[in-house]
Amino acid sequence: MVRVSLDGQVLAESKDTVVVEGNYYFPPSSVKKSVLSPSATSTVCSWKGNASYYDAMINGKSHKDVAWYYPATISDRAKPIENWVAFYRNKVEITA
């Protein structure tokens, strides 16, 4: 079981994660979207595509760009993580 938390709040928890480039990607159903909101940030990966980001609101405090996902991957290699959510290790606590 892999768990992501921030300021004592669990953001995601799953036995079914995929590790890509050292990052755990969580199935969308395992992510607590009630504390996440879309961010205006976006980036591009040459083999995964355009990434969208989430901010988190925990106990009234906003945390910018704590997570990202690829809504439409551009390669077959990236398809397994399409719409799956990854979290920045330096912004959250990840326990495996």
PDB file of N, CA and C in Angstrom:
ATOM      1  N   MET A   1       0.853  -1.187   0.000  1.00  0.00           N
ATOM      2  CA  MET A   1       0.000   0.000   0.000  1.00  0.00           C
ATOM      3  C   MET A   1       0.892   1.241   0.000  1.00  0.00           C
ATOM      4  N   VAL A   2       0.621   2.144  -0.909  1.00  0.00           N
ATOM      5  CA  VAL A   2       1.337   3.418  -0.976  1.00  0.00           C
ATOM      6  C   VAL A   2       0.353   4.509  -0.577  1.00  0.00           C
ATOM      7  N   ARG A   3       0.810   5.408   0.296  1.00  0.00           N
ATOM      8  CA  ARG A   3      -0.052   6.481   0.803  1.00  0.00           C
ATOM      9  C   ARG A   3       0.641   7.822   0.623  1.00  0.00           C
ATOM     10  N   VAL A   4      -0.138   8.824   0.231  1.00  0.00           N
ATOM     11  CA  VAL A   4       0.352  10.198   0.121  1.00  0.00           C
ATOM     12  C   VAL A   4      -0.423  11.038   1.125  1.00  0.00           C
ATOM     13  N   SER A   5       0.303  11.813   1.929  1.00  0.00           N
ATOM     14  CA  SER A   5      -0.376  12.698   2.872  1.00  0.00           C
ATOM     15  C   SER A   5       0.309  14.060   2.885  1.00  0.00           C
ATOM     16  N   LEU A   6      -0.448  15.033   3.352  1.00  0.00           N
ATOM     17  CA  LEU A   6       0.031  16.412   3.438  1.00  0.00           C
ATOM     18  C   LEU A   6      -0.627  17.051   4.650  1.00  0.00           C
ATOM     19  N   ASP A   7       0.168  17.560   5.552  1.00  0.00           N
ATOM     20  CA  ASP A   7      -0.352  18.176   6.785  1.00  0.00           C
ATOM     21  C   ASP A   7      -1.355  17.276   7.492  1.00  0.00           C
ATOM     22  N   GLY A   8      -1.073  15.980   7.547  1.00  0.00           N
ATOM     23  CA  GLY A   8      -1.928  15.037   8.241  1.00  0.00           C
ATOM     24  C   GLY A   8      -3.137  14.548   7.469  1.00  0.00           C
ATOM     25  N   GLN A   9      -3.352  15.037   6.271  1.00  0.00           N
ATOM     26  CA  GLN A   9      -4.504  14.659   5.436  1.00  0.00           C
ATOM     27  C   GLN A   9      -4.055  13.674   4.360  1.00  0.00           C
ATOM     28  N   VAL A  10      -4.722  12.535   4.252  1.00  0.00           N
ATOM     29  CA  VAL A  10      -4.402  11.564   3.204  1.00  0.00           C
ATOM     30  C   VAL A  10      -4.946  12.084   1.878  1.00  0.00           C
ATOM     31  N   LEU A  11      -4.075  12.153   0.863  1.00  0.00           N
ATOM     32  CA  LEU A  11      -4.474  12.618  -0.468  1.00  0.00           C
ATOM     33  C   LEU A  11      -4.719  11.464  -1.427  1.00  0.00           C
ATOM     34  N   ALA A  12      -4.009  10.362  -1.219  1.00  0.00           N
ATOM     35  CA  ALA A  12      -4.167   9.179  -2.086  1.00  0.00           C
ATOM     36  C   ALA A  12      -3.653   7.962  -1.335  1.00  0.00           C
ATOM     37  N   GLU A  13      -4.262   6.812  -1.678  1.00  0.00           N
ATOM     38  CA  GLU A  13      -3.841   5.561  -1.068  1.00  0.00           C
ATOM     39  C   GLU A  13      -4.240   4.429  -1.997  1.00  0.00           C
ATOM     40  N   SER A  14      -3.271   3.563  -2.331  1.00  0.00           N
ATOM     41  CA  SER A  14      -3.576   2.471  -3.251  1.00  0.00           C
ATOM     42  C   SER A  14      -2.518   1.375  -3.202  1.00  0.00           C
ATOM     43  N   LYS A  15      -2.958   0.157  -3.474  1.00  0.00           N
ATOM     44  CA  LYS A  15      -2.054  -0.976  -3.685  1.00  0.00           C
ATOM     45  C   LYS A  15      -1.693  -1.061  -5.170  1.00  0.00           C
ATOM     46  N   ASP A  16      -2.431  -0.326  -5.989  1.00  0.00           N
ATOM     47  CA  ASP A  16      -2.337  -0.422  -7.441  1.00  0.00           C
ATOM     48  C   ASP A  16      -1.686   0.824  -8.031  1.00  0.00           C
ATOM     49  N   THR A  17      -0.407   1.068  -7.690  1.00  0.00           N
ATOM     50  CA  THR A  17       0.302   2.218  -8.250  1.00  0.00           C
ATOM     51  C   THR A  17       1.251   1.748  -9.347  1.00  0.00           C
ATOM     52  N   VAL A  18       1.658   2.694 -10.187  1.00  0.00           N
ATOM     53  CA  VAL A  18       2.636   2.429 -11.231  1.00  0.00           C
ATOM     54  C   VAL A  18       3.786   3.407 -11.006  1.00  0.00           C
ATOM     55  N   VAL A  19       5.014   2.910 -11.008  1.00  0.00           N
ATOM     56  CA  VAL A  19       6.175   3.781 -10.824  1.00  0.00           C
ATOM     57  C   VAL A  19       6.780   4.089 -12.192  1.00  0.00           C
ATOM     58  N   VAL A  20       6.884   5.378 -12.487  1.00  0.00           N
ATOM     59  CA  VAL A  20       7.494   5.855 -13.729  1.00  0.00           C
ATOM     60  C   VAL A  20       8.483   6.950 -13.352  1.00  0.00           C
ATOM     61  N   GLU A  21       9.714   6.772 -13.764  1.00  0.00           N
ATOM     62  CA  GLU A  21      10.772   7.746 -13.494  1.00  0.00           C
ATOM     63  C   GLU A  21      10.854   8.087 -12.005  1.00  0.00           C
ATOM     64  N   GLY A  22      10.657   7.090 -11.155  1.00  0.00           N
ATOM     65  CA  GLY A  22      10.767   7.273  -9.716  1.00  0.00           C
ATOM     66  C   GLY A  22       9.545   7.859  -9.039  1.00  0.00           C
ATOM     67  N   ASN A  23       8.490   8.126  -9.792  1.00  0.00           N
ATOM     68  CA  ASN A  23       7.265   8.692  -9.227  1.00  0.00           C
ATOM     69  C   ASN A  23       6.148   7.655  -9.195  1.00  0.00           C
ATOM     70  N   TYR A  24       5.414   7.625  -8.077  1.00  0.00           N
ATOM     71  CA  TYR A  24       4.249   6.754  -7.969  1.00  0.00           C
ATOM     72  C   TYR A  24       3.067   7.433  -8.648  1.00  0.00           C
ATOM     73  N   TYR A  25       2.425   6.734  -9.561  1.00  0.00           N
ATOM     74  CA  TYR A  25       1.190   7.215 -10.189  1.00  0.00           C
ATOM     75  C   TYR A  25       0.027   6.429  -9.598  1.00  0.00           C
ATOM     76  N   PHE A  26      -0.992   7.148  -9.151  1.00  0.00           N
ATOM     77  CA  PHE A  26      -2.150   6.568  -8.484  1.00  0.00           C
ATOM     78  C   PHE A  26      -3.359   6.551  -9.406  1.00  0.00           C
ATOM     79  N   PRO A  27      -4.149   5.464  -9.361  1.00  0.00           N
ATOM     80  CA  PRO A  27      -5.376   5.451 -10.144  1.00  0.00           C
ATOM     81  C   PRO A  27      -6.288   6.589  -9.676  1.00  0.00           C
ATOM     82  N   PRO A  28      -6.995   7.228 -10.596  1.00  0.00           N
ATOM     83  CA  PRO A  28      -7.855   8.361 -10.216  1.00  0.00           C
ATOM     84  C   PRO A  28      -8.824   8.040  -9.079  1.00  0.00           C
ATOM     85  N   SER A  29      -9.331   6.835  -9.022  1.00  0.00           N
ATOM     86  CA  SER A  29     -10.300   6.467  -7.986  1.00  0.00           C
ATOM     87  C   SER A  29      -9.694   6.422  -6.587  1.00  0.00           C
ATOM     88  N   SER A  30      -8.379   6.394  -6.478  1.00  0.00           N
ATOM     89  CA  SER A  30      -7.723   6.321  -5.170  1.00  0.00           C
ATOM     90  C   SER A  30      -7.279   7.692  -4.652  1.00  0.00           C
ATOM     91  N   VAL A  31      -7.559   8.734  -5.421  1.00  0.00           N
ATOM     92  CA  VAL A  31      -7.128  10.087  -5.075  1.00  0.00           C
ATOM     93  C   VAL A  31      -8.298  10.855  -4.470  1.00  0.00           C
ATOM     94  N   LYS A  32      -8.039  11.531  -3.350  1.00  0.00           N
ATOM     95  CA  LYS A  32      -9.081  12.305  -2.667  1.00  0.00           C
ATOM     96  C   LYS A  32      -9.223  13.666  -3.353  1.00  0.00           C
ATOM     97  N   LYS A  33     -10.059  13.694  -4.360  1.00  0.00           N
ATOM     98  CA  LYS A  33     -10.191  14.913  -5.174  1.00  0.00           C
ATOM     99  C   LYS A  33     -10.931  16.038  -4.451  1.00  0.00           C
ATOM    100  N   SER A  34     -11.563  15.726  -3.326  1.00  0.00           N
ATOM    101  CA  SER A  34     -12.279  16.766  -2.581  1.00  0.00           C
ATOM    102  C   SER A  34     -11.335  17.831  -2.019  1.00  0.00           C
ATOM    103  N   VAL A  35     -10.049  17.520  -1.869  1.00  0.00           N
ATOM    104  CA  VAL A  35      -9.089  18.504  -1.376  1.00  0.00           C
ATOM    105  C   VAL A  35      -8.187  19.037  -2.492  1.00  0.00           C
ATOM    106  N   LEU A  36      -8.388  18.552  -3.709  1.00  0.00           N
ATOM    107  CA  LEU A  36      -7.594  19.014  -4.852  1.00  0.00           C
ATOM    108  C   LEU A  36      -8.420  19.886  -5.769  1.00  0.00           C
ATOM    109  N   SER A  37      -7.767  20.835  -6.396  1.00  0.00           N
ATOM    110  CA  SER A  37      -8.434  21.672  -7.398  1.00  0.00           C
ATOM    111  C   SER A  37      -7.468  21.886  -8.561  1.00  0.00           C
ATOM    112  N   PRO A  38      -8.011  22.032  -9.766  1.00  0.00           N
ATOM    113  CA  PRO A  38      -7.142  22.223 -10.931  1.00  0.00           C
ATOM    114  C   PRO A  38      -6.278  23.477 -10.786  1.00  0.00           C
ATOM    115  N   SER A  39      -5.052  23.365 -11.207  1.00  0.00           N
ATOM    116  CA  SER A  39      -4.102  24.473 -11.222  1.00  0.00           C
ATOM    117  C   SER A  39      -3.997  24.995 -12.655  1.00  0.00           C
ATOM    118  N   ALA A  40      -3.547  26.221 -12.808  1.00  0.00           N
ATOM    119  CA  ALA A  40      -3.321  26.787 -14.137  1.00  0.00           C
ATOM    120  C   ALA A  40      -2.007  26.301 -14.741  1.00  0.00           C
ATOM    121  N   THR A  41      -1.189  25.629 -13.957  1.00  0.00           N
ATOM    122  CA  THR A  41       0.116  25.162 -14.411  1.00  0.00           C
ATOM    123  C   THR A  41      -0.028  24.011 -15.405  1.00  0.00           C
ATOM    124  N   SER A  42       0.819  24.017 -16.404  1.00  0.00           N
ATOM    125  CA  SER A  42       0.920  22.884 -17.323  1.00  0.00           C
ATOM    126  C   SER A  42       2.363  22.787 -17.802  1.00  0.00           C
ATOM    127  N   THR A  43       2.773  21.559 -18.100  1.00  0.00           N
ATOM    128  CA  THR A  43       4.115  21.324 -18.630  1.00  0.00           C
ATOM    129  C   THR A  43       4.001  20.288 -19.738  1.00  0.00           C
ATOM    130  N   VAL A  44       5.099  20.074 -20.444  1.00  0.00           N
ATOM    131  CA  VAL A  44       5.105  19.109 -21.536  1.00  0.00           C
ATOM    132  C   VAL A  44       6.249  18.120 -21.333  1.00  0.00           C
ATOM    133  N   CYS A  45       5.941  16.853 -21.505  1.00  0.00           N
ATOM    134  CA  CYS A  45       6.942  15.790 -21.501  1.00  0.00           C
ATOM    135  C   CYS A  45       7.020  15.257 -22.927  1.00  0.00           C
ATOM    136  N   SER A  46       8.219  15.022 -23.412  1.00  0.00           N
ATOM    137  CA  SER A  46       8.395  14.614 -24.805  1.00  0.00           C
ATOM    138  C   SER A  46       7.763  13.256 -25.123  1.00  0.00           C
ATOM    139  N   TRP A  47       7.603  12.380 -24.131  1.00  0.00           N
ATOM    140  CA  TRP A  47       7.029  11.066 -24.438  1.00  0.00           C
ATOM    141  C   TRP A  47       5.695  10.802 -23.740  1.00  0.00           C
ATOM    142  N   LYS A  48       5.331  11.645 -22.769  1.00  0.00           N
ATOM    143  CA  LYS A  48       4.040  11.461 -22.088  1.00  0.00           C
ATOM    144  C   LYS A  48       2.987  12.444 -22.579  1.00  0.00           C
ATOM    145  N   GLY A  49       3.395  13.644 -22.918  1.00  0.00           N
ATOM    146  CA  GLY A  49       2.450  14.646 -23.408  1.00  0.00           C
ATOM    147  C   GLY A  49       2.327  15.823 -22.462  1.00  0.00           C
ATOM    148  N   ASN A  50       1.174  16.509 -22.528  1.00  0.00           N
ATOM    149  CA  ASN A  50       0.910  17.682 -21.703  1.00  0.00           C
ATOM    150  C   ASN A  50       0.417  17.256 -20.324  1.00  0.00           C
ATOM    151  N   ALA A  51       1.059  17.790 -19.292  1.00  0.00           N
ATOM    152  CA  ALA A  51       0.657  17.496 -17.918  1.00  0.00           C
ATOM    153  C   ALA A  51      -0.206  18.625 -17.374  1.00  0.00           C
ATOM    154  N   SER A  52      -1.236  18.248 -16.656  1.00  0.00           N
ATOM    155  CA  SER A  52      -2.072  19.194 -15.908  1.00  0.00           C
ATOM    156  C   SER A  52      -1.758  19.004 -14.432  1.00  0.00           C
ATOM    157  N   TYR A  53      -2.011  20.045 -13.640  1.00  0.00           N
ATOM    158  CA  TYR A  53      -1.613  20.030 -12.229  1.00  0.00           C
ATOM    159  C   TYR A  53      -2.790  20.256 -11.294  1.00  0.00           C
ATOM    160  N   TYR A  54      -2.586  19.845 -10.043  1.00  0.00           N
ATOM    161  CA  TYR A  54      -3.559  20.080  -8.979  1.00  0.00           C
ATOM    162  C   TYR A  54      -2.900  20.846  -7.838  1.00  0.00           C
ATOM    163  N   ASP A  55      -3.666  21.776  -7.259  1.00  0.00           N
ATOM    164  CA  ASP A  55      -3.326  22.401  -5.991  1.00  0.00           C
ATOM    165  C   ASP A  55      -4.103  21.646  -4.917  1.00  0.00           C
ATOM    166  N   ALA A  56      -3.654  21.747  -3.675  1.00  0.00           N
ATOM    167  CA  ALA A  56      -4.370  21.122  -2.557  1.00  0.00           C
ATOM    168  C   ALA A  56      -4.748  22.193  -1.542  1.00  0.00           C
ATOM    169  N   MET A  57      -5.920  22.037  -0.935  1.00  0.00           N
ATOM    170  CA  MET A  57      -6.363  22.913   0.142  1.00  0.00           C
ATOM    171  C   MET A  57      -6.523  22.037   1.380  1.00  0.00           C
ATOM    172  N   ILE A  58      -5.647  22.236   2.352  1.00  0.00           N
ATOM    173  CA  ILE A  58      -5.637  21.443   3.576  1.00  0.00           C
ATOM    174  C   ILE A  58      -5.753  22.382   4.772  1.00  0.00           C
ATOM    175  N   ASN A  59      -6.785  22.199   5.577  1.00  0.00           N
ATOM    176  CA  ASN A  59      -6.993  23.012   6.784  1.00  0.00           C
ATOM    177  C   ASN A  59      -6.896  24.513   6.487  1.00  0.00           C
ATOM    178  N   GLY A  60      -7.494  24.927   5.371  1.00  0.00           N
ATOM    179  CA  GLY A  60      -7.520  26.338   5.008  1.00  0.00           C
ATOM    180  C   GLY A  60      -6.239  26.860   4.381  1.00  0.00           C
ATOM    181  N   LYS A  61      -5.256  25.998   4.192  1.00  0.00           N
ATOM    182  CA  LYS A  61      -3.984  26.424   3.607  1.00  0.00           C
ATOM    183  C   LYS A  61      -3.846  25.852   2.199  1.00  0.00           C
ATOM    184  N   SER A  62      -3.503  26.721   1.255  1.00  0.00           N
ATOM    185  CA  SER A  62      -3.341  26.301  -0.137  1.00  0.00           C
ATOM    186  C   SER A  62      -1.910  25.825  -0.383  1.00  0.00           C
ATOM    187  N   HIS A  63      -1.804  24.695  -1.090  1.00  0.00           N
ATOM    188  CA  HIS A  63      -0.507  24.130  -1.473  1.00  0.00           C
ATOM    189  C   HIS A  63      -0.494  24.038  -2.999  1.00  0.00           C
ATOM    190  N   LYS A  64       0.364  24.812  -3.627  1.00  0.00           N
ATOM    191  CA  LYS A  64       0.384  24.939  -5.092  1.00  0.00           C
ATOM    192  C   LYS A  64       1.052  23.745  -5.764  1.00  0.00           C
ATOM    193  N   ASP A  65       0.412  23.264  -6.817  1.00  0.00           N
ATOM    194  CA  ASP A  65       1.003  22.257  -7.708  1.00  0.00           C
ATOM    195  C   ASP A  65       1.605  21.060  -6.966  1.00  0.00           C
ATOM    196  N   VAL A  66       0.812  20.397  -6.146  1.00  0.00           N
ATOM    197  CA  VAL A  66       1.314  19.237  -5.405  1.00  0.00           C
ATOM    198  C   VAL A  66       1.244  17.955  -6.225  1.00  0.00           C
ATOM    199  N   ALA A  67       0.444  17.970  -7.287  1.00  0.00           N
ATOM    200  CA  ALA A  67       0.254  16.752  -8.076  1.00  0.00           C
ATOM    201  C   ALA A  67       0.089  17.096  -9.548  1.00  0.00           C
ATOM    202  N   TRP A  68       0.304  16.065 -10.389  1.00  0.00           N
ATOM    203  CA  TRP A  68       0.101  16.247 -11.828  1.00  0.00           C
ATOM    204  C   TRP A  68      -0.425  14.958 -12.441  1.00  0.00           C
ATOM    205  N   TYR A  69      -0.940  15.098 -13.653  1.00  0.00           N
ATOM    206  CA  TYR A  69      -1.435  13.928 -14.400  1.00  0.00           C
ATOM    207  C   TYR A  69      -1.414  14.268 -15.884  1.00  0.00           C
ATOM    208  N   TYR A  70      -1.513  13.235 -16.701  1.00  0.00           N
ATOM    209  CA  TYR A  70      -1.520  13.392 -18.161  1.00  0.00           C
ATOM    210  C   TYR A  70      -2.901  12.989 -18.674  1.00  0.00           C
ATOM    211  N   PRO A  71      -3.739  13.975 -19.040  1.00  0.00           N
ATOM    212  CA  PRO A  71      -5.105  13.650 -19.481  1.00  0.00           C
ATOM    213  C   PRO A  71      -5.173  12.952 -20.839  1.00  0.00           C
ATOM    214  N   ALA A  72      -4.172  13.147 -21.664  1.00  0.00           N
ATOM    215  CA  ALA A  72      -4.155  12.513 -22.993  1.00  0.00           C
ATOM    216  C   ALA A  72      -2.700  12.227 -23.362  1.00  0.00           C
ATOM    217  N   THR A  73      -2.236  11.030 -23.026  1.00  0.00           N
ATOM    218  CA  THR A  73      -0.846  10.684 -23.316  1.00  0.00           C
ATOM    219  C   THR A  73      -0.610  10.590 -24.818  1.00  0.00           C
ATOM    220  N   ILE A  74       0.653  10.760 -25.208  1.00  0.00           N
ATOM    221  CA  ILE A  74       0.965  10.796 -26.644  1.00  0.00           C
ATOM    222  C   ILE A  74       1.724   9.577 -27.133  1.00  0.00           C
ATOM    223  N   SER A  75       2.008   8.626 -26.239  1.00  0.00           N
ATOM    224  CA  SER A  75       2.719   7.417 -26.681  1.00  0.00           C
ATOM    225  C   SER A  75       2.100   6.184 -26.035  1.00  0.00           C
ATOM    226  N   ASP A  76       2.253   5.064 -26.692  1.00  0.00           N
ATOM    227  CA  ASP A  76       1.761   3.802 -26.137  1.00  0.00           C
ATOM    228  C   ASP A  76       2.448   3.495 -24.814  1.00  0.00           C
ATOM    229  N   ARG A  77       3.696   3.872 -24.696  1.00  0.00           N
ATOM    230  CA  ARG A  77       4.462   3.637 -23.475  1.00  0.00           C
ATOM    231  C   ARG A  77       3.857   4.360 -22.265  1.00  0.00           C
ATOM    232  N   ALA A  78       3.230   5.501 -22.503  1.00  0.00           N
ATOM    233  CA  ALA A  78       2.648   6.294 -21.415  1.00  0.00           C
ATOM    234  C   ALA A  78       1.177   5.965 -21.142  1.00  0.00           C
ATOM    235  N   LYS A  79       0.527   5.221 -22.017  1.00  0.00           N
ATOM    236  CA  LYS A  79      -0.905   4.903 -21.857  1.00  0.00           C
ATOM    237  C   LYS A  79      -1.272   4.363 -20.477  1.00  0.00           C
ATOM    238  N   PRO A  80      -0.441   3.491 -19.853  1.00  0.00           N
ATOM    239  CA  PRO A  80      -0.822   2.948 -18.545  1.00  0.00           C
ATOM    240  C   PRO A  80      -1.007   4.005 -17.446  1.00  0.00           C
ATOM    241  N   ILE A  81      -0.452   5.209 -17.628  1.00  0.00           N
ATOM    242  CA  ILE A  81      -0.608   6.243 -16.602  1.00  0.00           C
ATOM    243  C   ILE A  81      -1.527   7.382 -17.034  1.00  0.00           C
ATOM    244  N   GLU A  82      -2.188   7.237 -18.144  1.00  0.00           N
ATOM    245  CA  GLU A  82      -3.107   8.291 -18.598  1.00  0.00           C
ATOM    246  C   GLU A  82      -4.169   8.544 -17.527  1.00  0.00           C
ATOM    247  N   ASN A  83      -4.293   9.784 -17.118  1.00  0.00           N
ATOM    248  CA  ASN A  83      -5.216  10.247 -16.073  1.00  0.00           C
ATOM    249  C   ASN A  83      -4.839   9.812 -14.662  1.00  0.00           C
ATOM    250  N   TRP A  84      -3.762   9.057 -14.497  1.00  0.00           N
ATOM    251  CA  TRP A  84      -3.306   8.681 -13.163  1.00  0.00           C
ATOM    252  C   TRP A  84      -2.555   9.866 -12.552  1.00  0.00           C
ATOM    253  N   VAL A  85      -2.562   9.972 -11.237  1.00  0.00           N
ATOM    254  CA  VAL A  85      -2.056  11.155 -10.540  1.00  0.00           C
ATOM    255  C   VAL A  85      -0.757  10.841  -9.803  1.00  0.00           C
ATOM    256  N   ALA A  86       0.232  11.704  -9.995  1.00  0.00           N
ATOM    257  CA  ALA A  86       1.515  11.607  -9.285  1.00  0.00           C
ATOM    258  C   ALA A  86       1.677  12.844  -8.408  1.00  0.00           C
ATOM    259  N   PHE A  87       2.468  12.700  -7.355  1.00  0.00           N
ATOM    260  CA  PHE A  87       2.648  13.775  -6.377  1.00  0.00           C
ATOM    261  C   PHE A  87       4.121  14.127  -6.243  1.00  0.00           C
ATOM    262  N   TYR A  88       4.401  15.415  -6.011  1.00  0.00           N
ATOM    263  CA  TYR A  88       5.776  15.859  -5.817  1.00  0.00           C
ATOM    264  C   TYR A  88       6.286  15.399  -4.458  1.00  0.00           C
ATOM    265  N   ARG A  89       7.336  14.604  -4.475  1.00  0.00           N
ATOM    266  CA  ARG A  89       7.897  14.055  -3.238  1.00  0.00           C
ATOM    267  C   ARG A  89       8.375  15.131  -2.277  1.00  0.00           C
ATOM    268  N   ASN A  90       8.791  16.283  -2.794  1.00  0.00           N
ATOM    269  CA  ASN A  90       9.281  17.347  -1.911  1.00  0.00           C
ATOM    270  C   ASN A  90       8.147  18.205  -1.343  1.00  0.00           C
ATOM    271  N   LYS A  91       6.894  17.931  -1.758  1.00  0.00           N
ATOM    272  CA  LYS A  91       5.756  18.707  -1.270  1.00  0.00           C
ATOM    273  C   LYS A  91       4.803  17.900  -0.397  1.00  0.00           C
ATOM    274  N   VAL A  92       4.894  16.578  -0.473  1.00  0.00           N
ATOM    275  CA  VAL A  92       4.010  15.695   0.279  1.00  0.00           C
ATOM    276  C   VAL A  92       4.832  14.600   0.945  1.00  0.00           C
ATOM    277  N   GLU A  93       4.184  13.833   1.809  1.00  0.00           N
ATOM    278  CA  GLU A  93       4.826  12.662   2.411  1.00  0.00           C
ATOM    279  C   GLU A  93       4.300  11.421   1.712  1.00  0.00           C
ATOM    280  N   ILE A  94       5.214  10.610   1.205  1.00  0.00           N
ATOM    281  CA  ILE A  94       4.828   9.365   0.528  1.00  0.00           C
ATOM    282  C   ILE A  94       5.399   8.199   1.324  1.00  0.00           C
ATOM    283  N   THR A  95       4.520   7.273   1.711  1.00  0.00           N
ATOM    284  CA  THR A  95       4.964   6.073   2.419  1.00  0.00           C
ATOM    285  C   THR A  95       4.539   4.853   1.627  1.00  0.00           C
ATOM    286  N   ALA A  96       5.454   3.919   1.528  1.00  0.00           N
ATOM    287  CA  ALA A  96       5.174   2.697   0.758  1.00  0.00           C
ATOM    288  C   ALA A  96       5.303   1.480   1.654  1.00  0.00           C
TER     289      ALA A  96
END
